[in-house]
Amino acid sequence: MDDADAGAPDAEAAADAADGQDSEAKDDAEMEEEAEEEAREMEEEAELAREVEEEEKEKEEEEMLQREEEAQEEEEEEEEEQEEEEEQQEEEEQDGMDAEAQPDAEVVGEEEEEESEEESEEEEDEIGADGMTAYERQRQRNIARNKEMMMSLSVKQLANNMVVGRCRLTPG
């Protein structure tokens, strides 16, 4: 009977060992499932973060384009105001000439020559030493100001690729 009693603990030990192995296998499987679940959750969080980042980037680009459009509209309004002022000055000059007494026909011809000389002198005055008109100098200043604004907003790539009132997006 001693042998039978001795065999029973071995069977129990073997059963316990098998249960332990099954338990370890279950624990390993559970840990693996938890790790996979964590990986999926991290992937989902990363995807959400990318989507949010893309949305923010799109919003920043839209805001920048809106600011550019507003700056361009302001520039156009300034140009229109300047043109209106010039037209008004010309009208005032013309009114002043009309108010004067009408000179003889010879004098009229001389005045027309003087006016054409004055007009050509005014055109030359508009073109500065740099070879640009006042309008072009103002336009260049506006472009530089807009470029600086974009640089300050960390939109260096777009600022470097800016082309006369439009942005040329480059891949990358």
Protein backbone atom coordinates (compact mmCIF):
# COMPACT_ATOMS: atom_id res chain seq x y z
CA MET A 1 0.00 0.00 0.00
CA ASP A 2 2.88 2.19 0.38
CA ASP A 3 3.47 2.09 -3.32
CA ALA A 4 -0.09 3.12 -4.00
CA ASP A 5 0.16 5.96 -1.57
CA ALA A 6 3.42 7.04 -3.16
CA GLY A 7 1.90 6.97 -6.64
CA ALA A 8 -1.01 9.17 -5.65
CA PRO A 9 1.13 12.21 -4.81
CA ASP A 10 2.92 11.86 -8.14
CA ALA A 11 -0.40 11.88 -9.97
CA GLU A 12 -1.50 14.88 -7.97
CA ALA A 13 1.79 16.62 -8.68
CA ALA A 14 1.45 15.84 -12.37
CA ALA A 15 -2.13 17.16 -12.36
CA ASP A 16 -1.03 20.28 -10.49
CA ALA A 17 1.81 20.78 -12.97
CA ALA A 18 -0.59 20.39 -15.90
CA ASP A 19 -2.99 22.86 -14.26
CA GLY A 20 -0.06 25.24 -13.70
CA GLN A 21 0.94 25.00 -17.34
CA ASP A 22 -2.66 25.56 -18.46
CA SER A 23 -2.86 28.51 -16.09
CA GLU A 24 0.40 29.95 -17.42
CA ALA A 25 -0.78 29.48 -21.00
CA LYS A 26 -4.03 31.27 -20.15
CA ASP A 27 -2.11 34.08 -18.46
CA ASP A 28 0.20 34.38 -21.48
CA ALA A 29 -2.79 34.46 -23.85
CA GLU A 30 -4.51 37.09 -21.71
CA MET A 31 -1.36 39.19 -21.58
CA GLU A 32 -0.96 38.90 -25.34
CA GLU A 33 -4.58 39.97 -25.87
CA GLU A 34 -4.09 42.92 -23.51
CA ALA A 35 -0.94 43.94 -25.38
CA GLU A 36 -2.77 43.72 -28.72
CA GLU A 37 -5.66 45.76 -27.31
CA GLU A 38 -3.22 48.38 -26.01
CA ALA A 39 -1.51 48.51 -29.41
CA ARG A 40 -4.90 49.02 -31.13
CA GLU A 41 -5.81 51.78 -28.69
CA MET A 42 -2.47 53.49 -29.23
CA GLU A 43 -2.93 53.22 -32.99
CA GLU A 44 -6.40 54.76 -32.71
CA GLU A 45 -5.05 57.59 -30.54
CA ALA A 46 -2.25 58.24 -33.03
CA GLU A 47 -4.76 58.32 -35.90
CA LEU A 48 -6.96 60.77 -34.00
CA ALA A 49 -3.93 62.94 -33.27
CA ARG A 50 -3.01 62.93 -36.98
CA GLU A 51 -6.56 63.90 -37.93
CA VAL A 52 -6.59 66.74 -35.41
CA GLU A 53 -3.20 67.93 -36.64
CA GLU A 54 -4.40 67.86 -40.27
CA GLU A 55 -7.54 69.81 -39.34
CA GLU A 56 -5.46 72.41 -37.49
CA LYS A 57 -3.09 72.69 -40.44
CA GLU A 58 -6.01 73.18 -42.85
CA LYS A 59 -7.52 75.79 -40.55
CA GLU A 60 -4.20 77.68 -40.35
CA GLU A 61 -3.87 77.59 -44.15
CA GLU A 62 -7.42 78.88 -44.56
CA GLU A 63 -6.77 81.68 -42.08
CA MET A 64 -3.53 82.59 -43.84
CA LEU A 65 -5.25 82.67 -47.22
CA GLN A 66 -8.02 84.80 -45.74
CA ARG A 67 -5.43 87.24 -44.34
CA GLU A 68 -3.71 87.36 -47.73
CA GLU A 69 -7.02 88.07 -49.45
CA GLU A 70 -7.80 90.80 -46.93
CA ALA A 71 -4.36 92.34 -47.44
CA GLN A 72 -4.82 92.21 -51.19
CA GLU A 73 -8.26 93.81 -50.88
CA GLU A 74 -6.77 96.55 -48.71
CA GLU A 75 -4.06 97.12 -51.29
CA GLU A 76 -6.64 97.34 -54.07
CA GLU A 77 -8.73 99.77 -52.02
CA GLU A 78 -5.66 101.93 -51.39
CA GLU A 79 -4.89 101.91 -55.10
CA GLU A 80 -8.46 102.89 -55.95
CA GLU A 81 -8.35 105.72 -53.41
CA GLN A 82 -5.05 106.92 -54.84
CA GLU A 83 -6.49 106.85 -58.37
CA GLU A 84 -9.57 108.75 -57.21
CA GLU A 85 -7.38 111.38 -55.55
CA GLU A 86 -5.32 111.74 -58.72
CA GLU A 87 -8.48 112.08 -60.82
CA GLN A 88 -9.83 114.66 -58.41
CA GLN A 89 -6.57 116.63 -58.58
CA GLU A 90 -6.67 116.51 -62.38
CA GLU A 91 -10.27 117.75 -62.36
CA GLU A 92 -9.36 120.57 -59.98
CA GLU A 93 -6.45 121.52 -62.20
CA GLN A 94 -8.73 121.42 -65.24
CA ASP A 95 -11.36 123.52 -63.45
CA GLY A 96 -8.67 126.04 -62.52
CA MET A 97 -7.61 126.27 -66.16
CA ASP A 98 -11.18 126.69 -67.36
CA ALA A 99 -11.73 129.51 -64.90
CA GLU A 100 -8.89 131.54 -66.38
CA ALA A 101 -9.55 133.87 -69.28
CA GLN A 102 -9.47 132.24 -72.71
CA PRO A 103 -6.17 133.16 -74.40
CA ASP A 104 -5.55 133.66 -78.10
CA ALA A 105 -5.19 130.71 -80.45
CA GLU A 106 -1.37 130.95 -80.51
CA VAL A 107 -1.17 130.94 -76.74
CA VAL A 108 -3.49 127.90 -76.59
CA GLY A 109 -1.07 125.93 -78.77
CA GLU A 110 1.82 126.88 -76.51
CA GLU A 111 -0.16 125.85 -73.41
CA GLU A 112 -0.93 122.46 -74.95
CA GLU A 113 2.77 121.92 -75.56
CA GLU A 114 3.54 122.92 -71.98
CA GLU A 115 0.84 120.56 -70.68
CA SER A 116 2.22 117.61 -72.66
CA GLU A 117 5.72 118.43 -71.33
CA GLU A 118 4.32 118.60 -67.79
CA GLU A 119 2.54 115.26 -68.25
CA SER A 120 5.73 113.57 -69.46
CA GLU A 121 7.61 115.11 -66.54
CA GLU A 122 4.96 113.75 -64.14
CA GLU A 123 5.35 110.28 -65.69
CA GLU A 124 9.11 110.50 -65.25
CA ASP A 125 8.61 111.62 -61.65
CA GLU A 126 6.52 108.52 -61.01
CA ILE A 127 9.34 106.25 -62.16
CA GLY A 128 11.95 106.44 -59.43
CA ALA A 129 15.69 105.88 -59.52
CA ASP A 130 15.02 102.19 -58.94
CA GLY A 131 13.08 102.01 -62.22
CA MET A 132 9.74 101.34 -60.52
CA THR A 133 6.58 103.39 -60.34
CA ALA A 134 5.11 104.44 -57.01
CA TYR A 135 2.47 101.74 -57.48
CA GLU A 136 5.11 99.04 -58.01
CA ARG A 137 7.13 100.17 -54.98
CA GLN A 138 3.98 100.04 -52.82
CA ARG A 139 3.15 96.62 -54.23
CA GLN A 140 6.64 95.31 -53.40
CA ARG A 141 6.35 96.70 -49.85
CA ASN A 142 3.00 94.91 -49.42
CA ILE A 143 4.44 91.64 -50.70
CA ALA A 144 7.40 91.95 -48.31
CA ARG A 145 5.05 92.74 -45.40
CA ASN A 146 2.85 89.73 -46.22
CA LYS A 147 5.90 87.52 -46.51
CA GLU A 148 7.15 88.67 -43.10
CA MET A 149 3.74 87.97 -41.60
CA MET A 150 3.72 84.44 -43.01
CA MET A 151 7.26 83.86 -41.74
CA SER A 152 6.23 85.03 -38.28
CA LEU A 153 3.37 82.54 -38.39
CA SER A 154 5.87 79.75 -39.13
CA VAL A 155 4.56 79.25 -42.63
CA LYS A 156 8.05 79.47 -44.11
CA GLN A 157 7.44 77.03 -46.94
CA LEU A 158 4.49 79.03 -48.29
CA ALA A 159 6.27 82.35 -47.76
CA ASN A 160 9.24 81.18 -49.78
CA ASN A 161 7.01 79.94 -52.60
CA MET A 162 4.77 83.00 -52.75
CA VAL A 163 4.07 84.11 -56.33
CA VAL A 164 2.40 87.50 -56.98
CA GLY A 165 -0.77 87.28 -54.89
CA ARG A 166 -0.99 83.48 -55.00
CA CYS A 167 0.69 80.69 -53.11
CA ARG A 168 2.29 77.88 -55.04
CA LEU A 169 2.23 74.80 -52.81
CA THR A 170 5.12 72.42 -53.24
CA PRO A 171 4.91 68.77 -52.30
CA GLY A 172 6.76 67.71 -49.21
